[in-house]
Structures are given as structure tokens and as C-alpha cells.
Amino acid sequence: MWLLDKMLRQLIREGRLVLTDHDGKVYEYGPGGGDTIAVRLTDKGAAMHIAKNPRMGAGEAYTDGRLVIEAPHDVRDFVLFVMGQANRGNTGKLKPKGALRKAFGKLAYKWEQNRRDRASANVVHHYGLTREFYELFLDEDRQYSMGFFRDPSDSLERAQIDKKALIAAKLRLQPKPDGTPQRVLDIGCGWGGMGLFYNKHYGCEVLGVSLAPDQVKFANERAEALGAADKVKFQLIDYRDVQGPFDRISSVGMFEHVGARHYDEYFAKTSDLLADDGVMLTHTIGRKGAPGGDDPWSRKYIFPGHHIPAMSEMVGAMERTRWEVADVEVLRYHYAHTLAEWYRRVKLHEKEIVALYDERFFRMWQFYLVGGEQSFRGAGMVNFQVQSVKRRDAVPMTRDYIIHEAARLSALEEAPEWHLDPKLRADSMEAAE
């Protein structure tokens, strides 16, 4: 306990953290003021497991039930409390010790990434979870990426509509000069919402590709149900095996899985797939600083093979593959709001999630969501939207068209209510009575 005690005494400079060790001994940290967060360790080795590698150890200890957060607080309160202080200047206290471990962390992001022979397995590890599970916390369109919150009070459903509208506006979707529909490639198509949105508003022919079998199956079921299956198709295929050309390409929440070693390959392939007067929009989580390693807990338990890119990594690869960057937007707090709402919905459906998997999985998912939220609140994670072209006259000279078209599309879409909202259920039951 001595090492964890030393670390926490240096780290906690605001508020109060009370830690009860497995033997009942109580340790207090911080000057007080505000809520007091109480936590408990359940076995003798938990303290050292956390202290020797805090970012990995805390996640594992909570997931395994070795770190318990006492009511009325929960793991979100704990993580935001501790990491909020780390982000204000004490972050070094939470980094793993030892030159060898630090060196490994710097190298891992280059070597433990999405090799072609591992790409499918890495995708299925995360996106192969049941569709029933994702329904419990995603919005009605099952968008599994950042919502665009014009107002923090907006519903998740509204924010996801506005995200789709913003991306569609940046793609500059429109019929071809001869009146035929544009062909759009959606790389990493998820459950099909983006592709169906393009077709609904512009009549595009869309091919969505993914390596997650049930996502592809579900997306095709949606297209069939909407009568759009002749125009919107989804295939279980690696983007590297797709044949073009396409008039537009979108990549939403997929670039994180490419891996830094494959960025040149990615942009070379998409350049080959895109028509000369085409437009591509890449939407990805990004880091605000220089290239570096990724969170080892997320890499091990949530997203094997992933890498969060720095802007310099993306743009450098585009330069080497002869793309021209036409527009860049950095979106800062939107994913924090998205993840906070996903966390709220996950907590509402704890019983259902435990029944689908188990309590350990539920705690792992909680830690994943709140860990992501704190990263977007102040630990250096943002979202990038990079619009790229092969010919600079493919888009107008100013950004006015993006603002106007996004607003037009948003106004056309009424945000649905979340069908699993407890308030909506209660109102339905009351009406039935």
C-alpha cells in the first residue's frame, strides 16, 4: 500500500478521497471541500497492482471487482475526480514506471496494430457483440461515433442527426452533371445509418463495407425494410479489396483501426478508389498533441490493434499519397457529451447487460465509457474531420456551403425519442392503464 499511498498523496490536491484497504485501514487524501469519494480495495495485492501501472491497473482492478466505489458515487465520479486532477498538472503520477515499460509503450502503437491478417479478428472482438447489447445504449439510428451537439442539452438522437448532416454537407453530395446518382463508398459502415442517410436525402447509390458480420447483416436488413436495397448495399469486405471508382468516400469512426503503419496504404487505396473530381471525408478520434502510444487498457480489453492518430500522422500520409487537404475541423467536447449519455443509458440497463454477459463485462464497459469521456473532457482527445480532394476545384472556395447544407438537412429531420427511455415507457404504461 505504501506505493499507492505515496502516489495518491502527491496526486489528490482538491476535494477528498477516502480509501479503505483490504485490512480495514483507512487512508484519506486531499484538503476536503465538496463531495467525499470513498473507495475500497478487496484484496491484499490490489494496491500494488494499481500503483505499478495506474492507468492499466485501476481499470483492471475495477473490472475484476478488486476496486469498489462506495455509494452514492460510482466509477464515473471516481475517474472524473482523479483524472481531472491528473489533467491539471499531475499526470506524471499516473504513468507507468521504469525505462523498459516506457520504451515499450512508445513502440507498441507502431507494432501492435491492425495487420491485414488480424484486421477481421480485431473488429469482431468489439463490434461482434450482440445487436441487442448495442441497442441498449446507442441512439435510435445506432450511430457508434461522436454526436454533434449544437447545444449540450440536445438529446443524443438530435446530436447524431446533426453529425450525419454535417458529414453529408462536407461530402458535397449532389447528382452528377448528367443527372445520374453519385456512387458513395462508406468505409466502416457500422449499422448502416450513414449510407441510408445519404440515399434518403440525395438518392445516392451507396456501398458500405465492414469486417463485422452482424453489422453488415443488420444494415442490409434495414435497407431492405426501407425499400432501398437496390441502391444501398453493405458487404463484408476489407476496404483494400473494394473496386472503384466512387464519386464520394466517407470513413466515420473507422480510421482509428487502420494503424499508423498502414496510413500510406489507406490513403493510397482510397485515392485509387475516388474519381478525380471526388471528395473524401475522414471522421476520426484524434490526439491534440504529437504522435504517441495508446491507452494500454483499451488496447488490451476494448480495441485491439487500434491507434489514435495525431493530425501530423494523418496529413503526412495524405501528402505522401498526393491528396490535397481541403478542410479540417477539430471537434473538442462533443464526444464527451456522447460518452456521458452512453454511460447513463448503460447504467439504466445494468440488469439486461449482466444477463447478456456478466457483471465483470458490465464493469469493464463502464470503465471504457468513462475513461473515454475523461479523455475528451481534458486529457488530450478530440475528433478530426478531414475533407480531402484530388482536384482543388471539387469544392467551393469558402466553407459557407457546409454550414448552409448542414442546417438544411438538420431541419428536415425530426429527432425521434429513444424507445428505451424509462420516462417514455412509464408514460406508455400510464396511458395503457
Protein backbone atom coordinates (compact mmCIF):
# COMPACT_ATOMS: atom_id res chain seq x y z
CA MET A 1 0.00 0.00 0.00
CA TRP A 2 2.94 2.33 0.56
CA LEU A 3 3.48 2.98 -3.16
CA LEU A 4 -0.19 3.72 -3.90
CA ASP A 5 -0.36 5.87 -0.76
CA LYS A 6 2.64 7.91 -1.91
CA MET A 7 1.17 8.39 -5.40
CA LEU A 8 -2.24 9.50 -4.14
CA ARG A 9 -0.77 11.95 -1.64
CA GLN A 10 1.03 13.68 -4.50
CA LEU A 11 -1.92 13.49 -6.88
CA ILE A 12 -5.01 14.49 -4.88
CA ARG A 13 -4.82 18.24 -4.27
CA GLU A 14 -8.54 19.06 -4.34
CA GLY A 15 -11.58 17.52 -2.67
CA ARG A 16 -11.36 14.38 -0.55
CA LEU A 17 -10.69 10.74 -1.42
CA VAL A 18 -11.09 8.12 1.32
CA LEU A 19 -9.56 4.72 0.60
CA THR A 20 -10.16 1.65 2.75
CA ASP A 21 -7.60 -1.10 2.24
CA HIS A 22 -8.44 -4.80 2.33
CA ASP A 23 -7.43 -4.97 6.03
CA GLY A 24 -9.79 -2.16 7.04
CA LYS A 25 -7.13 0.53 7.40
CA VAL A 26 -8.39 3.91 6.16
CA TYR A 27 -6.34 6.46 4.19
CA GLU A 28 -7.52 9.98 3.42
CA TYR A 29 -6.27 12.29 0.65
CA GLY A 30 -6.92 15.91 -0.27
CA PRO A 31 -7.89 19.03 1.69
CA GLY A 32 -11.64 18.37 1.58
CA GLY A 33 -14.43 20.53 0.26
CA GLY A 34 -17.23 19.22 -1.92
CA ASP A 35 -18.21 15.58 -2.04
CA THR A 36 -16.05 12.92 -0.42
CA ILE A 37 -15.47 9.92 -2.66
CA ALA A 38 -14.92 6.64 -0.83
CA VAL A 39 -13.35 3.56 -2.40
CA ARG A 40 -12.40 0.14 -1.08
CA LEU A 41 -9.79 -2.45 -2.06
CA THR A 42 -10.88 -6.05 -1.61
CA ASP A 43 -7.60 -7.99 -1.55
CA LYS A 44 -4.01 -7.63 -0.44
CA GLY A 45 -2.46 -7.28 -3.90
CA ALA A 46 -4.88 -4.69 -5.33
CA ALA A 47 -2.95 -1.62 -4.14
CA MET A 48 0.33 -2.71 -5.72
CA HIS A 49 -1.44 -3.79 -8.92
CA ILE A 50 -2.82 -0.26 -9.30
CA ALA A 51 0.33 1.56 -8.21
CA LYS A 52 2.80 -0.18 -10.52
CA ASN A 53 0.84 0.84 -13.63
CA PRO A 54 -2.07 3.12 -12.61
CA ARG A 55 -3.81 3.52 -15.96
CA MET A 56 -3.88 -0.21 -16.62
CA GLY A 57 -4.12 -1.32 -13.00
CA ALA A 58 -7.08 0.83 -12.00
CA GLY A 59 -9.12 -0.37 -14.97
CA GLU A 60 -8.31 -4.00 -14.28
CA ALA A 61 -8.92 -3.65 -10.54
CA TYR A 62 -12.35 -2.10 -11.10
CA THR A 63 -13.28 -4.61 -13.81
CA ASP A 64 -12.27 -7.54 -11.60
CA GLY A 65 -14.06 -6.22 -8.51
CA ARG A 66 -10.84 -5.55 -6.61
CA LEU A 67 -11.56 -1.79 -6.53
CA VAL A 68 -15.05 -0.90 -5.30
CA ILE A 69 -16.52 2.62 -5.35
CA GLU A 70 -18.85 3.16 -2.43
CA ALA A 71 -22.37 4.61 -2.88
CA PRO A 72 -23.63 7.19 -3.54
CA HIS A 73 -20.78 7.61 -6.03
CA ASP A 74 -19.85 5.35 -8.91
CA VAL A 75 -16.87 4.72 -11.17
CA ARG A 76 -17.67 7.76 -13.32
CA ASP A 77 -17.45 10.05 -10.30
CA PHE A 78 -14.18 8.40 -9.26
CA VAL A 79 -12.48 8.52 -12.66
CA LEU A 80 -13.50 12.11 -13.42
CA PHE A 81 -12.36 13.16 -9.92
CA VAL A 82 -8.94 11.51 -10.11
CA MET A 83 -8.20 12.15 -13.78
CA GLY A 84 -9.45 15.72 -13.55
CA GLN A 85 -6.63 16.40 -11.11
CA ALA A 86 -4.13 14.46 -13.19
CA ASN A 87 -5.07 16.54 -16.23
CA ARG A 88 -4.43 19.71 -14.27
CA GLY A 89 -0.74 19.04 -13.89
CA ASN A 90 -0.10 15.81 -12.03
CA THR A 91 -0.45 13.41 -14.93
CA GLY A 92 3.08 12.08 -14.47
CA LYS A 93 1.95 10.37 -11.26
CA LEU A 94 -0.24 8.04 -13.32
CA LYS A 95 2.33 6.96 -15.89
CA PRO A 96 3.95 3.53 -15.64
CA LYS A 97 7.38 3.47 -14.02
CA GLY A 98 10.53 2.03 -15.49
CA ALA A 99 12.52 2.80 -18.62
CA LEU A 100 11.71 -0.54 -20.25
CA ARG A 101 7.97 -0.16 -19.78
CA LYS A 102 8.04 3.41 -21.09
CA ALA A 103 10.01 2.34 -24.14
CA PHE A 104 7.58 -0.49 -24.78
CA GLY A 105 4.65 1.92 -24.61
CA LYS A 106 6.23 4.14 -27.24
CA LEU A 107 6.88 1.23 -29.59
CA ALA A 108 3.66 -0.70 -29.08
CA TYR A 109 1.50 1.68 -31.09
CA LYS A 110 3.67 1.07 -34.15
CA TRP A 111 3.94 -2.69 -33.92
CA GLU A 112 0.72 -3.90 -32.26
CA GLN A 113 -1.56 -2.61 -34.97
CA ASN A 114 -4.08 -3.77 -37.49
CA ARG A 115 -2.15 -6.17 -39.66
CA ARG A 116 -4.27 -7.44 -42.52
CA ASP A 117 -4.27 -10.97 -41.09
CA ARG A 118 -5.61 -9.62 -37.76
CA ALA A 119 -8.00 -6.94 -39.01
CA SER A 120 -11.14 -9.08 -39.04
CA ALA A 121 -10.50 -10.62 -35.62
CA ASN A 122 -9.80 -7.20 -34.11
CA VAL A 123 -13.06 -5.80 -35.48
CA VAL A 124 -15.15 -8.77 -34.37
CA HIS A 125 -13.64 -8.56 -30.85
CA HIS A 126 -15.53 -5.32 -30.32
CA TYR A 127 -18.21 -4.94 -32.97
CA GLY A 128 -19.21 -8.61 -32.83
CA LEU A 129 -21.04 -8.07 -29.54
CA THR A 130 -24.76 -8.70 -29.90
CA ARG A 131 -27.01 -6.18 -31.60
CA GLU A 132 -29.29 -6.40 -28.53
CA PHE A 133 -26.45 -5.06 -26.40
CA TYR A 134 -25.73 -2.02 -28.57
CA GLU A 135 -29.45 -1.24 -28.77
CA LEU A 136 -29.45 -0.72 -25.00
CA PHE A 137 -27.35 2.45 -25.14
CA LEU A 138 -26.94 3.78 -28.70
CA ASP A 139 -29.33 6.24 -30.32
CA GLU A 140 -32.24 5.13 -32.46
CA ASP A 141 -30.06 5.04 -35.60
CA ARG A 142 -27.28 3.08 -33.82
CA GLN A 143 -24.58 5.62 -34.53
CA TYR A 144 -21.48 4.37 -32.74
CA SER A 145 -19.39 7.52 -33.08
CA MET A 146 -19.43 11.10 -31.80
CA GLY A 147 -22.69 13.02 -31.86
CA PHE A 148 -22.54 16.68 -32.88
CA PHE A 149 -24.01 18.71 -30.02
CA ARG A 150 -25.03 22.14 -31.22
CA ASP A 151 -26.30 22.55 -27.67
CA PRO A 152 -25.11 20.36 -24.76
CA SER A 153 -28.75 19.94 -23.75
CA ASP A 154 -29.66 18.31 -27.07
CA SER A 155 -30.75 14.70 -26.98
CA LEU A 156 -28.36 12.05 -28.27
CA GLU A 157 -30.81 11.39 -31.12
CA ARG A 158 -30.68 15.07 -32.15
CA ALA A 159 -26.89 15.18 -31.91
CA GLN A 160 -26.48 12.11 -34.12
CA ILE A 161 -28.76 13.56 -36.78
CA ASP A 162 -26.69 16.75 -36.74
CA LYS A 163 -23.48 14.69 -37.02
CA LYS A 164 -24.81 12.94 -40.12
CA ALA A 165 -25.94 16.25 -41.59
CA LEU A 166 -22.50 17.81 -41.06
CA ILE A 167 -20.70 14.90 -42.71
CA ALA A 168 -23.09 14.79 -45.65
CA ALA A 169 -22.67 18.55 -46.16
CA LYS A 170 -18.88 18.20 -46.24
CA LEU A 171 -19.14 15.46 -48.87
CA ARG A 172 -20.84 17.92 -51.22
CA LEU A 173 -23.35 15.29 -52.30
CA GLN A 174 -25.33 16.12 -55.44
CA PRO A 175 -26.41 14.46 -58.68
CA LYS A 176 -23.83 14.20 -61.46
CA PRO A 177 -24.00 16.69 -64.35
CA ASP A 178 -25.83 14.07 -66.44
CA GLY A 179 -28.43 13.61 -63.70
CA THR A 180 -27.33 10.14 -62.60
CA PRO A 181 -26.85 9.47 -58.88
CA GLN A 182 -23.43 9.62 -57.31
CA ARG A 183 -21.73 6.45 -56.09
CA VAL A 184 -20.65 6.66 -52.46
CA LEU A 185 -18.34 4.32 -50.57
CA ASP A 186 -18.84 4.25 -46.79
CA ILE A 187 -15.81 2.57 -45.20
CA GLY A 188 -16.60 1.03 -41.82
CA CYS A 189 -20.35 1.37 -42.35
CA GLY A 190 -21.49 0.37 -38.85
CA TRP A 191 -25.18 -0.47 -38.72
CA GLY A 192 -25.85 1.38 -41.96
CA GLY A 193 -27.18 4.72 -40.75
CA MET A 194 -24.81 6.97 -42.72
CA GLY A 195 -25.33 5.16 -46.02
CA LEU A 196 -29.11 5.20 -45.62
CA PHE A 197 -28.96 8.92 -44.76
CA TYR A 198 -27.05 9.66 -47.98
CA ASN A 199 -29.58 7.75 -50.05
CA LYS A 200 -32.60 9.26 -48.31
CA HIS A 201 -31.57 12.85 -48.95
CA TYR A 202 -29.63 12.62 -52.22
CA GLY A 203 -30.67 9.38 -53.93
CA CYS A 204 -27.06 8.15 -53.93
CA GLU A 205 -26.00 4.63 -54.72
CA VAL A 206 -24.11 3.52 -51.63
CA LEU A 207 -21.75 0.67 -50.88
CA GLY A 208 -20.99 0.23 -47.18
CA VAL A 209 -18.16 -2.09 -46.20
CA SER A 210 -17.22 -3.57 -42.84
CA LEU A 211 -15.49 -6.57 -41.30
CA ALA A 212 -18.21 -7.05 -38.65
CA PRO A 213 -20.61 -9.77 -39.93
CA ASP A 214 -23.65 -8.89 -37.84
CA GLN A 215 -23.32 -5.18 -38.60
CA VAL A 216 -23.40 -5.94 -42.32
CA LYS A 217 -26.34 -8.30 -41.88
CA PHE A 218 -28.28 -5.78 -39.83
CA ALA A 219 -27.52 -2.90 -42.23
CA ASN A 220 -28.79 -4.93 -45.19
CA GLU A 221 -31.93 -5.80 -43.23
CA ARG A 222 -32.51 -2.09 -42.65
CA ALA A 223 -32.03 -1.25 -46.32
CA GLU A 224 -34.46 -4.00 -47.29
CA ALA A 225 -37.08 -2.80 -44.80
CA LEU A 226 -36.82 0.76 -46.14
CA GLY A 227 -37.13 -0.35 -49.77
CA ALA A 228 -33.63 0.93 -50.52
CA ALA A 229 -31.79 -2.37 -51.02
CA ASP A 230 -31.44 -1.77 -54.77
CA LYS A 231 -29.47 1.44 -54.09
CA VAL A 232 -27.84 0.85 -50.69
CA LYS A 233 -25.80 -2.32 -50.22
CA PHE A 234 -23.49 -3.49 -47.47
CA GLN A 235 -20.70 -6.02 -47.89
CA LEU A 236 -18.43 -7.97 -45.55
CA ILE A 237 -15.17 -6.99 -47.21
CA ASP A 238 -11.86 -5.31 -46.40
CA TYR A 239 -11.71 -1.82 -47.92
CA ARG A 240 -8.43 -2.83 -49.55
CA ASP A 241 -10.35 -5.30 -51.71
CA VAL A 242 -13.01 -2.86 -52.93
CA GLN A 243 -13.07 -1.91 -56.61
CA GLY A 244 -13.97 1.64 -57.70
CA PRO A 245 -14.47 4.23 -58.87
CA PHE A 246 -16.65 6.20 -56.45
CA ASP A 247 -17.72 9.84 -56.55
CA ARG A 248 -17.57 10.24 -52.77
CA ILE A 249 -15.94 8.34 -49.89
CA SER A 250 -16.76 8.62 -46.21
CA SER A 251 -14.96 6.99 -43.32
CA VAL A 252 -16.63 7.54 -39.95
CA GLY A 253 -15.05 6.01 -36.84
CA MET A 254 -13.01 3.54 -38.86
CA PHE A 255 -9.65 5.28 -39.24
CA GLU A 256 -8.80 4.58 -35.59
CA HIS A 257 -8.50 0.90 -36.58
CA VAL A 258 -6.17 1.39 -39.55
CA GLY A 259 -2.92 1.64 -37.57
CA ALA A 260 -0.14 4.18 -38.15
CA ARG A 261 1.96 1.70 -40.14
CA HIS A 262 -0.85 1.46 -42.70
CA TYR A 263 -1.77 5.12 -43.19
CA ASP A 264 0.05 5.44 -46.52
CA GLU A 265 -1.61 2.25 -47.74
CA TYR A 266 -5.02 3.54 -46.64
CA PHE A 267 -4.76 6.90 -48.38
CA ALA A 268 -3.19 5.40 -51.50
CA LYS A 269 -6.05 2.92 -51.81
CA THR A 270 -8.79 5.48 -51.22
CA SER A 271 -7.15 7.78 -53.75
CA ASP A 272 -7.31 4.98 -56.31
CA LEU A 273 -10.97 4.39 -55.48
CA LEU A 274 -12.06 8.04 -55.80
CA ALA A 275 -12.96 9.80 -59.04
CA ASP A 276 -10.70 12.72 -59.97
CA ASP A 277 -13.39 15.27 -59.07
CA GLY A 278 -14.42 13.38 -55.95
CA VAL A 279 -14.45 14.28 -52.25
CA MET A 280 -13.49 12.18 -49.22
CA LEU A 281 -14.40 12.89 -45.60
CA THR A 282 -12.49 11.15 -42.80
CA HIS A 283 -14.03 11.41 -39.33
CA THR A 284 -11.84 10.01 -36.57
CA ILE A 285 -10.89 10.31 -32.94
CA GLY A 286 -7.58 12.16 -32.76
CA ARG A 287 -4.99 13.31 -30.25
CA LYS A 288 -4.32 17.00 -29.76
CA GLY A 289 -0.57 16.54 -29.42
CA ALA A 290 2.26 14.69 -31.11
CA PRO A 291 2.16 11.02 -32.17
CA GLY A 292 2.47 8.54 -29.33
CA GLY A 293 1.32 5.35 -27.71
CA ASP A 294 -2.26 4.43 -26.94
CA ASP A 295 -4.01 3.58 -23.69
CA PRO A 296 -2.85 0.03 -22.89
CA TRP A 297 -6.07 -0.91 -21.08
CA SER A 298 -8.20 -0.01 -24.11
CA ARG A 299 -5.76 -1.77 -26.43
CA LYS A 300 -5.96 -4.96 -24.38
CA TYR A 301 -9.64 -5.13 -23.49
CA ILE A 302 -11.63 -2.95 -25.90
CA PHE A 303 -9.96 -2.11 -29.21
CA PRO A 304 -7.07 -4.45 -30.04
CA GLY A 305 -4.93 -3.10 -32.87
CA HIS A 306 -6.23 0.45 -32.64
CA HIS A 307 -4.25 3.69 -32.80
CA ILE A 308 -5.47 7.24 -32.15
CA PRO A 309 -3.79 9.43 -34.80
CA ALA A 310 -2.15 12.79 -34.40
CA MET A 311 -3.04 15.32 -37.08
CA SER A 312 0.56 15.25 -38.29
CA GLU A 313 0.31 11.50 -38.93
CA MET A 314 -2.84 11.86 -41.00
CA VAL A 315 -1.75 14.86 -43.02
CA GLY A 316 1.75 13.48 -43.54
CA ALA A 317 0.30 10.32 -45.07
CA MET A 318 -2.02 12.41 -47.26
CA GLU A 319 0.90 14.47 -48.51
CA ARG A 320 2.89 11.35 -49.37
CA THR A 321 -0.06 9.91 -51.34
CA ARG A 322 -0.80 13.15 -53.24
CA TRP A 323 -4.05 14.13 -51.57
CA GLU A 324 -4.94 17.79 -51.09
CA VAL A 325 -6.48 18.70 -47.74
CA ALA A 326 -9.47 20.93 -48.41
CA ASP A 327 -10.91 21.39 -44.93
CA VAL A 328 -10.06 20.43 -41.34
CA GLU A 329 -12.32 20.77 -38.31
CA VAL A 330 -11.34 19.86 -34.76
CA LEU A 331 -14.33 18.90 -32.61
CA ARG A 332 -13.41 19.02 -28.93
CA TYR A 333 -16.13 18.26 -26.36
CA HIS A 334 -18.76 16.55 -28.49
CA TYR A 335 -17.59 13.03 -27.77
CA ALA A 336 -17.50 13.73 -24.02
CA HIS A 337 -21.23 14.54 -24.14
CA THR A 338 -21.86 11.46 -26.29
CA LEU A 339 -19.99 9.12 -23.94
CA ALA A 340 -21.68 10.59 -20.87
CA GLU A 341 -25.07 9.78 -22.38
CA TRP A 342 -23.98 6.28 -23.40
CA TYR A 343 -22.80 5.75 -19.81
CA ARG A 344 -26.16 6.94 -18.45
CA ARG A 345 -28.01 4.54 -20.70
CA VAL A 346 -25.70 1.65 -19.83
CA LYS A 347 -26.38 2.22 -16.12
CA LEU A 348 -30.12 2.21 -16.78
CA HIS A 349 -29.79 -1.24 -18.33
CA GLU A 350 -27.36 -2.86 -15.94
CA LYS A 351 -29.61 -5.88 -15.33
CA GLU A 352 -30.06 -6.55 -19.03
CA ILE A 353 -26.34 -6.23 -19.77
CA VAL A 354 -25.37 -8.51 -16.88
CA ALA A 355 -27.90 -11.04 -18.18
CA LEU A 356 -26.40 -10.86 -21.67
CA TYR A 357 -22.81 -11.16 -20.42
CA ASP A 358 -21.88 -10.89 -16.72
CA GLU A 359 -21.05 -8.36 -14.00
CA ARG A 360 -17.39 -8.24 -14.94
CA PHE A 361 -18.27 -7.27 -18.54
CA PHE A 362 -20.64 -4.58 -17.25
CA ARG A 363 -17.89 -3.04 -15.10
CA MET A 364 -15.41 -3.24 -17.99
CA TRP A 365 -17.84 -1.38 -20.25
CA GLN A 366 -18.47 1.26 -17.61
CA PHE A 367 -14.75 1.89 -17.24
CA TYR A 368 -14.30 2.06 -21.03
CA LEU A 369 -17.03 4.69 -21.42
CA VAL A 370 -15.98 6.94 -18.55
CA GLY A 371 -12.31 6.57 -19.47
CA GLY A 372 -13.20 7.84 -22.92
CA GLU A 373 -15.29 10.67 -21.52
CA GLN A 374 -12.50 11.99 -19.30
CA SER A 375 -10.09 11.85 -22.27
CA PHE A 376 -12.35 14.17 -24.24
CA ARG A 377 -13.00 16.45 -21.29
CA GLY A 378 -9.37 17.36 -20.85
CA ALA A 379 -6.84 14.60 -21.41
CA GLY A 380 -5.98 15.36 -25.00
CA MET A 381 -8.51 13.53 -27.19
CA VAL A 382 -10.57 15.33 -29.83
CA ASN A 383 -12.30 14.42 -33.09
CA PHE A 384 -10.93 15.32 -36.50
CA GLN A 385 -12.98 15.77 -39.65
CA VAL A 386 -10.62 16.00 -42.62
CA GLN A 387 -12.03 16.71 -46.07
CA SER A 388 -9.64 15.73 -48.85
CA VAL A 389 -9.75 16.06 -52.62
CA LYS A 390 -7.67 15.10 -55.63
CA ARG A 391 -8.58 18.26 -57.51
CA ARG A 392 -8.94 21.55 -55.68
CA ASP A 393 -11.96 22.75 -57.68
CA ALA A 394 -14.02 19.80 -56.35
CA VAL A 395 -15.37 22.01 -53.55
CA PRO A 396 -16.22 25.74 -53.31
CA MET A 397 -13.67 28.32 -52.18
CA THR A 398 -15.37 29.06 -48.85
CA ARG A 399 -16.98 26.91 -46.15
CA ASP A 400 -20.39 28.60 -46.43
CA TYR A 401 -21.87 25.63 -48.30
CA ILE A 402 -21.10 23.32 -45.34
CA ILE A 403 -22.94 25.48 -42.83
CA HIS A 404 -25.96 26.05 -45.06
CA GLU A 405 -26.35 22.45 -46.20
CA ALA A 406 -25.90 21.00 -42.72
CA ALA A 407 -28.59 23.34 -41.40
CA ARG A 408 -30.93 22.41 -44.26
CA LEU A 409 -30.52 18.68 -43.65
CA SER A 410 -30.91 19.06 -39.89
CA ALA A 411 -34.17 20.94 -40.33
CA LEU A 412 -35.56 18.12 -42.48
CA GLU A 413 -35.05 15.51 -39.75
CA GLU A 414 -37.18 15.31 -36.64
CA ALA A 415 -35.30 13.69 -33.79
CA PRO A 416 -37.07 10.56 -32.55
CA GLU A 417 -37.43 9.69 -28.89
CA TRP A 418 -35.25 6.91 -27.53
CA HIS A 419 -37.62 3.94 -27.39
CA LEU A 420 -35.94 2.57 -24.24
CA ASP A 421 -36.22 5.82 -22.29
CA PRO A 422 -37.73 4.92 -18.88
CA LYS A 423 -39.87 8.08 -18.95
CA LEU A 424 -41.32 7.09 -22.33
CA ARG A 425 -42.04 3.60 -21.01
CA ALA A 426 -43.69 4.99 -17.89
CA ASP A 427 -45.89 7.32 -19.97
CA SER A 428 -46.91 4.38 -22.18
CA MET A 429 -47.83 2.24 -19.17
CA GLU A 430 -49.81 5.09 -17.63
CA ALA A 431 -51.70 5.64 -20.90
CA ALA A 432 -52.47 1.91 -21.11
CA GLU A 433 -53.97 1.95 -17.64
